[in-house]
């Protein structure tokens, strides 16, 4: 959220069309679309290596280098922690390279709440570029309700999608 406010204050163009589609006390839906100047196979190859684009600020270990995705059904979006610890952020439930991956689980701060989510990344060719559509739906019991969480989660995903775009468009 701070990232969005800072970007707006500085007049930085946001690379993502972000939207909280729906929010209720028991759930939320967030959708974002970003166009990346790279073909789908290149975007896919980067997407499944979050250590290269996920922000270390949004990790438990403090380093995105510890975050991995095993790109197969049942594969783990996991994070290594010190002393042999770890976190299962989400599990791959559907994968169709290079166009779709769907995860289920309790991403980020939802890990110790009675909430579950589904996160999908859809990739579609747009000429020589790729449109990436992120959809995140979460629901369950969260004492303070999802209205508090939706803007913050949307902000985190906006930052991550911007990171993915920047990584692909500026990497050698």
N, C-alpha and C. Protein backbone atom coordinates (compact mmCIF):
# COMPACT_ATOMS: atom_id res chain seq x y z
N UNK A 1 0.82 -1.18 0.00
CA UNK A 1 0.00 0.00 0.00
C UNK A 1 0.87 1.25 0.00
N UNK A 2 1.92 1.27 0.84
CA UNK A 2 2.82 2.41 0.87
C UNK A 2 3.46 2.63 -0.49
N UNK A 3 3.74 1.52 -1.21
CA UNK A 3 4.33 1.60 -2.54
C UNK A 3 3.41 2.36 -3.49
N UNK A 4 2.13 2.05 -3.46
CA UNK A 4 1.16 2.70 -4.34
C UNK A 4 1.07 4.19 -4.01
N UNK A 5 0.95 4.50 -2.73
CA UNK A 5 0.84 5.90 -2.33
C UNK A 5 2.09 6.68 -2.72
N UNK A 6 3.27 6.08 -2.51
CA UNK A 6 4.52 6.76 -2.87
C UNK A 6 4.59 6.96 -4.38
N UNK A 7 4.20 5.96 -5.14
CA UNK A 7 4.24 6.07 -6.60
C UNK A 7 3.29 7.16 -7.08
N UNK A 8 2.09 7.21 -6.51
CA UNK A 8 1.14 8.24 -6.91
C UNK A 8 1.66 9.63 -6.54
N UNK A 9 2.25 9.74 -5.35
CA UNK A 9 2.78 11.03 -4.90
C UNK A 9 3.90 11.51 -5.80
N UNK A 10 4.70 10.59 -6.32
CA UNK A 10 5.83 10.95 -7.17
C UNK A 10 5.45 11.04 -8.64
N UNK A 11 4.20 10.67 -8.96
CA UNK A 11 3.75 10.73 -10.34
C UNK A 11 4.30 9.61 -11.19
N UNK A 12 4.70 8.50 -10.56
CA UNK A 12 5.23 7.37 -11.30
C UNK A 12 4.08 6.63 -11.96
N UNK A 13 4.24 6.29 -13.23
CA UNK A 13 3.20 5.54 -13.93
C UNK A 13 3.20 4.10 -13.42
N UNK A 14 2.06 3.66 -12.97
CA UNK A 14 1.94 2.29 -12.47
C UNK A 14 1.78 1.34 -13.66
N UNK A 15 2.54 0.25 -13.70
CA UNK A 15 2.49 -0.65 -14.84
C UNK A 15 1.33 -1.63 -14.81
N UNK A 16 0.50 -1.55 -13.79
CA UNK A 16 -0.52 -2.55 -13.57
C UNK A 16 -1.89 -1.91 -13.50
N UNK A 17 -2.88 -2.54 -14.14
CA UNK A 17 -4.28 -2.16 -13.95
C UNK A 17 -4.78 -3.03 -12.81
N UNK A 18 -4.93 -2.43 -11.64
CA UNK A 18 -5.29 -3.19 -10.44
C UNK A 18 -6.71 -2.88 -10.03
N UNK A 19 -7.38 -3.89 -9.48
CA UNK A 19 -8.76 -3.70 -9.09
C UNK A 19 -9.14 -4.66 -7.98
N UNK A 20 -9.71 -4.11 -6.91
CA UNK A 20 -10.38 -4.95 -5.93
C UNK A 20 -11.77 -5.17 -6.51
N UNK A 21 -12.00 -6.34 -7.09
CA UNK A 21 -13.24 -6.64 -7.79
C UNK A 21 -14.41 -6.74 -6.82
N UNK A 22 -14.16 -7.36 -5.67
CA UNK A 22 -15.22 -7.56 -4.69
C UNK A 22 -14.59 -7.75 -3.33
N UNK A 23 -15.26 -7.26 -2.31
CA UNK A 23 -14.80 -7.49 -0.94
C UNK A 23 -16.02 -7.56 -0.05
N UNK A 24 -15.99 -8.50 0.87
CA UNK A 24 -17.06 -8.71 1.84
C UNK A 24 -16.40 -9.14 3.15
N UNK A 25 -17.15 -9.19 4.23
CA UNK A 25 -16.54 -9.61 5.49
C UNK A 25 -15.88 -10.98 5.42
N UNK A 26 -16.39 -11.86 4.53
CA UNK A 26 -15.88 -13.23 4.47
C UNK A 26 -15.03 -13.53 3.24
N UNK A 27 -14.67 -12.52 2.45
CA UNK A 27 -13.84 -12.83 1.29
C UNK A 27 -13.55 -11.62 0.43
N UNK A 28 -12.70 -11.84 -0.58
CA UNK A 28 -12.33 -10.77 -1.51
C UNK A 28 -11.86 -11.37 -2.82
N UNK A 29 -11.90 -10.53 -3.86
CA UNK A 29 -11.34 -10.89 -5.16
C UNK A 29 -10.57 -9.70 -5.69
N UNK A 30 -9.36 -9.97 -6.14
CA UNK A 30 -8.48 -8.95 -6.69
C UNK A 30 -8.07 -9.40 -8.09
N UNK A 31 -8.06 -8.47 -9.02
CA UNK A 31 -7.63 -8.79 -10.38
C UNK A 31 -6.68 -7.69 -10.85
N UNK A 32 -5.63 -8.11 -11.49
CA UNK A 32 -4.66 -7.17 -12.04
C UNK A 32 -4.23 -7.66 -13.42
N UNK A 33 -3.99 -6.71 -14.30
CA UNK A 33 -3.51 -7.04 -15.64
C UNK A 33 -2.32 -6.14 -15.94
N UNK A 34 -1.27 -6.77 -16.43
CA UNK A 34 -0.08 -6.01 -16.83
C UNK A 34 0.38 -6.53 -18.19
N UNK A 35 0.76 -5.61 -19.05
CA UNK A 35 1.34 -5.98 -20.36
C UNK A 35 2.84 -5.89 -20.23
N UNK A 36 3.50 -6.98 -20.60
CA UNK A 36 4.96 -7.08 -20.49
C UNK A 36 5.54 -7.23 -21.89
N UNK A 37 6.57 -6.45 -22.16
CA UNK A 37 7.23 -6.46 -23.47
C UNK A 37 8.15 -7.68 -23.57
N UNK A 38 7.53 -8.85 -23.63
CA UNK A 38 8.26 -10.12 -23.79
C UNK A 38 7.24 -11.17 -24.21
N UNK A 39 7.67 -12.20 -24.93
CA UNK A 39 6.75 -13.25 -25.35
C UNK A 39 6.35 -14.14 -24.16
N UNK A 40 5.21 -14.84 -24.28
CA UNK A 40 4.72 -15.67 -23.16
C UNK A 40 5.72 -16.68 -22.61
N UNK A 41 6.51 -17.33 -23.46
CA UNK A 41 7.45 -18.33 -22.94
C UNK A 41 8.51 -17.69 -22.05
N UNK A 42 8.94 -16.49 -22.40
CA UNK A 42 9.93 -15.78 -21.58
C UNK A 42 9.30 -15.30 -20.26
N UNK A 43 8.07 -14.82 -20.33
CA UNK A 43 7.37 -14.39 -19.12
C UNK A 43 7.14 -15.59 -18.21
N UNK A 44 6.74 -16.71 -18.79
CA UNK A 44 6.51 -17.93 -18.01
C UNK A 44 7.79 -18.34 -17.28
N UNK A 45 8.89 -18.36 -18.01
CA UNK A 45 10.17 -18.78 -17.42
C UNK A 45 10.54 -17.91 -16.23
N UNK A 46 10.24 -16.62 -16.30
CA UNK A 46 10.53 -15.72 -15.17
C UNK A 46 9.51 -15.89 -14.05
N UNK A 47 8.24 -16.03 -14.42
CA UNK A 47 7.17 -16.14 -13.43
C UNK A 47 7.40 -17.27 -12.44
N UNK A 48 7.89 -18.40 -12.92
CA UNK A 48 8.05 -19.56 -12.04
C UNK A 48 9.35 -19.53 -11.23
N UNK A 49 10.08 -18.41 -11.32
CA UNK A 49 11.29 -18.21 -10.50
C UNK A 49 11.11 -16.91 -9.70
N UNK A 50 10.26 -16.94 -8.66
CA UNK A 50 9.96 -15.71 -7.93
C UNK A 50 11.17 -15.08 -7.23
N UNK A 51 12.21 -15.83 -7.01
CA UNK A 51 13.42 -15.26 -6.39
C UNK A 51 13.96 -14.09 -7.21
N UNK A 52 13.65 -14.07 -8.50
CA UNK A 52 14.16 -13.02 -9.38
C UNK A 52 13.31 -11.75 -9.39
N UNK A 53 12.05 -11.84 -8.91
CA UNK A 53 11.18 -10.68 -9.02
C UNK A 53 10.31 -10.40 -7.79
N UNK A 54 10.10 -11.37 -6.93
CA UNK A 54 9.28 -11.16 -5.74
C UNK A 54 10.05 -10.28 -4.75
N UNK A 55 9.39 -9.35 -4.12
CA UNK A 55 10.05 -8.43 -3.20
C UNK A 55 10.44 -9.13 -1.90
N UNK A 56 11.68 -8.94 -1.49
CA UNK A 56 12.15 -9.50 -0.21
C UNK A 56 11.36 -8.93 0.96
N UNK A 57 10.79 -7.74 0.79
CA UNK A 57 9.98 -7.13 1.85
C UNK A 57 8.72 -7.95 2.15
N UNK A 58 8.32 -8.78 1.22
CA UNK A 58 7.12 -9.60 1.39
C UNK A 58 7.49 -11.08 1.46
N UNK A 59 8.46 -11.34 2.32
CA UNK A 59 8.89 -12.72 2.58
C UNK A 59 9.04 -12.87 4.09
N UNK A 60 8.99 -14.10 4.54
CA UNK A 60 9.19 -14.37 5.96
C UNK A 60 10.67 -14.36 6.32
N UNK A 61 11.51 -14.76 5.38
CA UNK A 61 12.95 -14.88 5.63
C UNK A 61 13.69 -13.57 5.46
N UNK A 62 13.05 -12.61 4.79
CA UNK A 62 13.73 -11.34 4.51
C UNK A 62 14.50 -11.36 3.20
N UNK A 63 14.42 -12.48 2.47
CA UNK A 63 15.13 -12.58 1.19
C UNK A 63 14.31 -13.39 0.19
N UNK A 64 14.01 -12.78 -0.93
CA UNK A 64 13.26 -13.50 -1.97
C UNK A 64 14.09 -14.64 -2.56
N UNK A 65 15.38 -14.67 -2.32
CA UNK A 65 16.23 -15.77 -2.80
C UNK A 65 15.80 -17.10 -2.18
N UNK A 66 15.07 -17.05 -1.09
CA UNK A 66 14.62 -18.26 -0.41
C UNK A 66 13.27 -18.76 -0.91
N UNK A 67 12.67 -18.07 -1.87
CA UNK A 67 11.34 -18.42 -2.37
C UNK A 67 11.47 -19.19 -3.68
N UNK A 68 10.80 -20.33 -3.76
CA UNK A 68 10.83 -21.16 -4.96
C UNK A 68 9.43 -21.63 -5.32
N UNK A 69 9.26 -21.98 -6.59
CA UNK A 69 8.04 -22.63 -7.07
C UNK A 69 8.47 -23.90 -7.78
N UNK A 70 7.86 -25.01 -7.38
CA UNK A 70 8.04 -26.29 -8.08
C UNK A 70 6.90 -26.37 -9.10
N UNK A 71 7.18 -26.09 -10.39
CA UNK A 71 6.12 -25.93 -11.40
C UNK A 71 5.53 -27.25 -11.90
N UNK A 72 4.79 -27.92 -11.02
CA UNK A 72 4.08 -29.15 -11.38
C UNK A 72 2.86 -29.25 -10.46
N UNK A 73 1.86 -29.99 -10.87
CA UNK A 73 0.68 -30.17 -10.02
C UNK A 73 1.14 -30.77 -8.69
N UNK A 74 0.71 -30.15 -7.60
CA UNK A 74 1.15 -30.56 -6.27
C UNK A 74 2.44 -29.90 -5.85
N UNK A 75 3.05 -29.14 -6.76
CA UNK A 75 4.30 -28.46 -6.44
C UNK A 75 4.09 -27.34 -5.45
N UNK A 76 5.16 -27.01 -4.77
CA UNK A 76 5.09 -26.05 -3.67
C UNK A 76 5.62 -24.68 -4.07
N UNK A 77 4.89 -23.64 -3.69
CA UNK A 77 5.41 -22.28 -3.65
C UNK A 77 5.89 -22.17 -2.22
N UNK A 78 7.17 -22.34 -2.01
CA UNK A 78 7.73 -22.49 -0.67
C UNK A 78 8.81 -21.46 -0.40
N UNK A 79 9.13 -21.33 0.88
CA UNK A 79 10.19 -20.44 1.31
C UNK A 79 11.00 -21.12 2.39
N UNK A 80 12.31 -21.11 2.20
CA UNK A 80 13.22 -21.66 3.20
C UNK A 80 13.44 -20.63 4.30
N UNK A 81 13.46 -21.12 5.54
CA UNK A 81 13.74 -20.29 6.71
C UNK A 81 14.99 -20.81 7.39
N UNK A 82 15.63 -19.99 8.23
CA UNK A 82 16.84 -20.44 8.92
C UNK A 82 16.60 -21.68 9.78
N UNK A 83 17.67 -22.39 10.06
CA UNK A 83 17.67 -23.57 10.94
C UNK A 83 16.76 -24.68 10.45
N UNK A 84 16.63 -24.84 9.14
CA UNK A 84 15.83 -25.92 8.57
C UNK A 84 14.35 -25.64 8.54
N UNK A 85 13.94 -24.42 8.86
CA UNK A 85 12.52 -24.07 8.83
C UNK A 85 12.03 -23.78 7.43
N UNK A 86 10.72 -23.58 7.31
CA UNK A 86 10.16 -23.26 6.01
C UNK A 86 8.69 -22.89 6.08
N UNK A 87 8.20 -22.39 4.96
CA UNK A 87 6.81 -21.99 4.83
C UNK A 87 6.29 -22.53 3.51
N UNK A 88 5.11 -23.16 3.54
CA UNK A 88 4.38 -23.50 2.32
C UNK A 88 3.40 -22.35 2.10
N UNK A 89 3.68 -21.52 1.12
CA UNK A 89 2.78 -20.40 0.83
C UNK A 89 1.54 -20.89 0.09
N UNK A 90 1.76 -21.67 -0.97
CA UNK A 90 0.65 -22.16 -1.79
C UNK A 90 1.09 -23.44 -2.49
N UNK A 91 0.11 -24.13 -3.07
CA UNK A 91 0.37 -25.36 -3.80
C UNK A 91 -0.18 -25.22 -5.22
N UNK A 92 0.57 -25.72 -6.21
CA UNK A 92 0.11 -25.69 -7.60
C UNK A 92 -1.03 -26.70 -7.76
N UNK A 93 -2.18 -26.20 -8.24
CA UNK A 93 -3.33 -27.08 -8.44
C UNK A 93 -3.69 -27.26 -9.91
N UNK A 94 -3.19 -26.37 -10.77
CA UNK A 94 -3.43 -26.46 -12.21
C UNK A 94 -2.26 -25.77 -12.88
N UNK A 95 -1.72 -26.42 -13.88
CA UNK A 95 -0.60 -25.81 -14.61
C UNK A 95 -0.71 -26.17 -16.08
N UNK A 96 -0.60 -25.15 -16.93
CA UNK A 96 -0.66 -25.33 -18.38
C UNK A 96 0.36 -24.37 -19.00
N UNK A 97 1.66 -24.74 -18.95
CA UNK A 97 2.69 -23.84 -19.48
C UNK A 97 2.49 -23.57 -20.96
N UNK A 98 2.75 -22.42 -21.47
CA UNK A 98 3.11 -21.18 -20.78
C UNK A 98 1.92 -20.24 -20.61
N UNK A 99 0.73 -20.78 -20.33
CA UNK A 99 -0.43 -19.88 -20.31
C UNK A 99 -1.16 -19.77 -18.98
N UNK A 100 -1.03 -20.75 -18.08
CA UNK A 100 -1.81 -20.68 -16.84
C UNK A 100 -1.16 -21.48 -15.72
N UNK A 101 -1.16 -20.87 -14.54
CA UNK A 101 -0.82 -21.60 -13.32
C UNK A 101 -1.78 -21.12 -12.24
N UNK A 102 -2.31 -22.08 -11.48
CA UNK A 102 -3.23 -21.77 -10.39
C UNK A 102 -2.67 -22.38 -9.11
N UNK A 103 -2.70 -21.58 -8.06
CA UNK A 103 -2.22 -22.00 -6.74
C UNK A 103 -3.38 -21.95 -5.75
N UNK A 104 -3.30 -22.79 -4.71
CA UNK A 104 -4.23 -22.73 -3.58
C UNK A 104 -3.42 -22.68 -2.30
N UNK A 105 -3.92 -21.92 -1.33
CA UNK A 105 -3.26 -21.88 -0.04
C UNK A 105 -3.48 -20.57 0.67
N UNK A 106 -2.73 -20.40 1.72
CA UNK A 106 -2.85 -19.23 2.58
C UNK A 106 -1.61 -18.37 2.42
N UNK A 107 -1.57 -17.61 1.34
CA UNK A 107 -0.42 -16.79 1.00
C UNK A 107 -0.20 -15.69 2.04
N UNK A 108 1.07 -15.46 2.35
CA UNK A 108 1.47 -14.34 3.20
C UNK A 108 0.84 -14.34 4.57
N UNK A 109 0.25 -13.22 4.95
CA UNK A 109 -0.25 -13.08 6.32
C UNK A 109 -1.45 -13.97 6.63
N UNK A 110 -2.01 -14.62 5.62
CA UNK A 110 -3.16 -15.50 5.86
C UNK A 110 -2.75 -16.87 6.40
N UNK A 111 -1.43 -17.12 6.49
CA UNK A 111 -0.95 -18.45 6.86
C UNK A 111 -1.45 -18.91 8.22
N UNK A 112 -1.67 -18.00 9.14
CA UNK A 112 -2.13 -18.44 10.47
C UNK A 112 -3.54 -17.95 10.79
N UNK A 113 -4.29 -17.64 9.74
CA UNK A 113 -5.69 -17.28 9.89
C UNK A 113 -6.54 -18.39 9.30
N UNK A 114 -7.81 -18.38 9.59
CA UNK A 114 -8.72 -19.39 9.04
C UNK A 114 -9.20 -18.91 7.67
N UNK A 115 -8.24 -18.71 6.76
CA UNK A 115 -8.53 -18.21 5.42
C UNK A 115 -7.75 -19.01 4.40
N UNK A 116 -8.30 -19.09 3.22
CA UNK A 116 -7.68 -19.83 2.13
C UNK A 116 -7.84 -19.00 0.87
N UNK A 117 -6.93 -19.18 -0.07
CA UNK A 117 -7.01 -18.41 -1.30
C UNK A 117 -6.68 -19.22 -2.53
N UNK A 118 -7.10 -18.69 -3.67
CA UNK A 118 -6.75 -19.22 -4.98
C UNK A 118 -6.11 -18.08 -5.76
N UNK A 119 -4.93 -18.33 -6.28
CA UNK A 119 -4.18 -17.32 -7.04
C UNK A 119 -3.87 -17.89 -8.40
N UNK A 120 -4.26 -17.16 -9.45
CA UNK A 120 -3.93 -17.62 -10.80
C UNK A 120 -3.18 -16.54 -11.56
N UNK A 121 -2.29 -17.00 -12.42
CA UNK A 121 -1.59 -16.15 -13.36
C UNK A 121 -1.93 -16.69 -14.74
N UNK A 122 -2.63 -15.88 -15.54
CA UNK A 122 -2.94 -16.25 -16.91
C UNK A 122 -2.10 -15.42 -17.86
N UNK A 123 -1.47 -16.05 -18.83
CA UNK A 123 -0.62 -15.37 -19.80
C UNK A 123 -1.25 -15.49 -21.18
N UNK A 124 -1.36 -14.36 -21.88
CA UNK A 124 -1.92 -14.36 -23.24
C UNK A 124 -1.04 -13.49 -24.13
N UNK A 125 -0.70 -14.03 -25.27
CA UNK A 125 0.10 -13.27 -26.24
C UNK A 125 -0.68 -12.05 -26.70
N UNK A 126 0.03 -10.94 -26.82
CA UNK A 126 -0.52 -9.70 -27.35
C UNK A 126 0.51 -9.17 -28.34
N UNK A 127 0.51 -9.76 -29.52
CA UNK A 127 1.57 -9.47 -30.49
C UNK A 127 2.87 -10.04 -29.96
N UNK A 128 3.90 -9.22 -29.91
CA UNK A 128 5.20 -9.66 -29.38
C UNK A 128 5.27 -9.52 -27.86
N UNK A 129 4.18 -9.06 -27.25
CA UNK A 129 4.13 -8.85 -25.81
C UNK A 129 3.20 -9.88 -25.17
N UNK A 130 3.09 -9.79 -23.84
CA UNK A 130 2.25 -10.72 -23.10
C UNK A 130 1.40 -9.96 -22.09
N UNK A 131 0.12 -10.27 -22.08
CA UNK A 131 -0.76 -9.77 -21.03
C UNK A 131 -0.80 -10.81 -19.93
N UNK A 132 -0.44 -10.39 -18.72
CA UNK A 132 -0.47 -11.27 -17.55
C UNK A 132 -1.65 -10.83 -16.69
N UNK A 133 -2.57 -11.76 -16.44
CA UNK A 133 -3.71 -11.48 -15.58
C UNK A 133 -3.55 -12.26 -14.29
N UNK A 134 -3.47 -11.53 -13.20
CA UNK A 134 -3.42 -12.13 -11.86
C UNK A 134 -4.82 -12.03 -11.27
N UNK A 135 -5.31 -13.14 -10.75
CA UNK A 135 -6.59 -13.14 -10.03
C UNK A 135 -6.35 -13.82 -8.70
N UNK A 136 -6.75 -13.15 -7.63
CA UNK A 136 -6.62 -13.70 -6.28
C UNK A 136 -7.97 -13.62 -5.60
N UNK A 137 -8.44 -14.79 -5.18
CA UNK A 137 -9.69 -14.87 -4.42
C UNK A 137 -9.37 -15.52 -3.09
N UNK A 138 -9.82 -14.90 -2.01
CA UNK A 138 -9.59 -15.45 -0.68
C UNK A 138 -10.88 -15.39 0.11
N UNK A 139 -11.04 -16.35 0.99
CA UNK A 139 -12.22 -16.36 1.83
C UNK A 139 -11.96 -17.14 3.10
N UNK A 140 -12.89 -17.01 4.03
CA UNK A 140 -12.78 -17.70 5.30
C UNK A 140 -13.08 -16.77 6.45
N UNK A 141 -12.65 -17.16 7.61
CA UNK A 141 -12.89 -16.35 8.79
C UNK A 141 -11.64 -15.53 9.12
N UNK A 142 -11.80 -14.24 9.08
CA UNK A 142 -10.78 -13.29 9.49
C UNK A 142 -11.50 -12.31 10.41
N UNK A 143 -11.10 -12.31 11.66
CA UNK A 143 -11.84 -11.57 12.68
C UNK A 143 -12.19 -10.14 12.27
N UNK A 144 -11.23 -9.41 11.74
CA UNK A 144 -11.49 -8.02 11.38
C UNK A 144 -12.11 -7.87 9.99
N UNK A 145 -12.33 -8.98 9.30
CA UNK A 145 -12.95 -8.96 7.98
C UNK A 145 -11.96 -8.68 6.86
N UNK A 146 -12.36 -9.00 5.67
CA UNK A 146 -11.49 -8.83 4.50
C UNK A 146 -11.44 -7.39 4.00
N UNK A 147 -12.37 -6.54 4.45
CA UNK A 147 -12.35 -5.15 4.00
C UNK A 147 -11.03 -4.48 4.38
N UNK A 148 -10.47 -4.84 5.52
CA UNK A 148 -9.19 -4.29 5.97
C UNK A 148 -8.04 -4.80 5.10
N UNK A 149 -8.13 -6.05 4.69
CA UNK A 149 -7.03 -6.70 3.98
C UNK A 149 -6.98 -6.40 2.49
N UNK A 150 -8.12 -6.21 1.84
CA UNK A 150 -8.17 -6.11 0.38
C UNK A 150 -7.25 -5.02 -0.19
N UNK A 151 -7.28 -3.78 0.31
CA UNK A 151 -6.39 -2.77 -0.27
C UNK A 151 -4.91 -3.10 -0.08
N UNK A 152 -4.56 -3.64 1.07
CA UNK A 152 -3.15 -3.98 1.32
C UNK A 152 -2.70 -5.12 0.41
N UNK A 153 -3.51 -6.15 0.26
CA UNK A 153 -3.17 -7.28 -0.60
C UNK A 153 -3.07 -6.81 -2.06
N UNK A 154 -4.00 -5.97 -2.48
CA UNK A 154 -3.95 -5.41 -3.82
C UNK A 154 -2.64 -4.65 -4.04
N UNK A 155 -2.22 -3.89 -3.02
CA UNK A 155 -0.97 -3.15 -3.12
C UNK A 155 0.25 -4.05 -3.23
N UNK A 156 0.25 -5.14 -2.47
CA UNK A 156 1.37 -6.08 -2.54
C UNK A 156 1.43 -6.71 -3.93
N UNK A 157 0.29 -7.14 -4.46
CA UNK A 157 0.30 -7.74 -5.79
C UNK A 157 0.67 -6.71 -6.87
N UNK A 158 0.26 -5.46 -6.70
CA UNK A 158 0.66 -4.42 -7.65
C UNK A 158 2.17 -4.30 -7.67
N UNK A 159 2.78 -4.30 -6.50
CA UNK A 159 4.24 -4.22 -6.42
C UNK A 159 4.88 -5.44 -7.10
N UNK A 160 4.38 -6.63 -6.83
CA UNK A 160 4.99 -7.84 -7.39
C UNK A 160 4.86 -7.89 -8.90
N UNK A 161 3.69 -7.52 -9.42
CA UNK A 161 3.50 -7.51 -10.88
C UNK A 161 4.40 -6.45 -11.53
N UNK A 162 4.55 -5.32 -10.87
CA UNK A 162 5.49 -4.30 -11.36
C UNK A 162 6.91 -4.82 -11.36
N UNK A 163 7.27 -5.57 -10.32
CA UNK A 163 8.61 -6.17 -10.25
C UNK A 163 8.83 -7.16 -11.38
N UNK A 164 7.82 -7.99 -11.67
CA UNK A 164 7.94 -8.97 -12.75
C UNK A 164 8.15 -8.24 -14.08
N UNK A 165 7.34 -7.23 -14.32
CA UNK A 165 7.46 -6.43 -15.55
C UNK A 165 8.85 -5.81 -15.66
N UNK A 166 9.29 -5.18 -14.59
CA UNK A 166 10.61 -4.53 -14.59
C UNK A 166 11.72 -5.55 -14.83
N UNK A 167 11.62 -6.70 -14.15
CA UNK A 167 12.64 -7.74 -14.32
C UNK A 167 12.74 -8.16 -15.78
N UNK A 168 11.61 -8.38 -16.42
CA UNK A 168 11.62 -8.87 -17.80
C UNK A 168 12.00 -7.79 -18.80
N UNK A 169 11.66 -6.56 -18.52
CA UNK A 169 11.89 -5.50 -19.50
C UNK A 169 13.25 -4.83 -19.33
N UNK A 170 13.94 -5.09 -18.21
CA UNK A 170 15.25 -4.48 -18.03
C UNK A 170 16.38 -5.50 -17.90
N UNK A 171 16.03 -6.77 -17.74
CA UNK A 171 17.06 -7.81 -17.61
C UNK A 171 17.77 -8.01 -18.93
N UNK A 172 19.07 -8.32 -18.89
CA UNK A 172 19.79 -8.54 -20.15
C UNK A 172 19.33 -9.80 -20.86
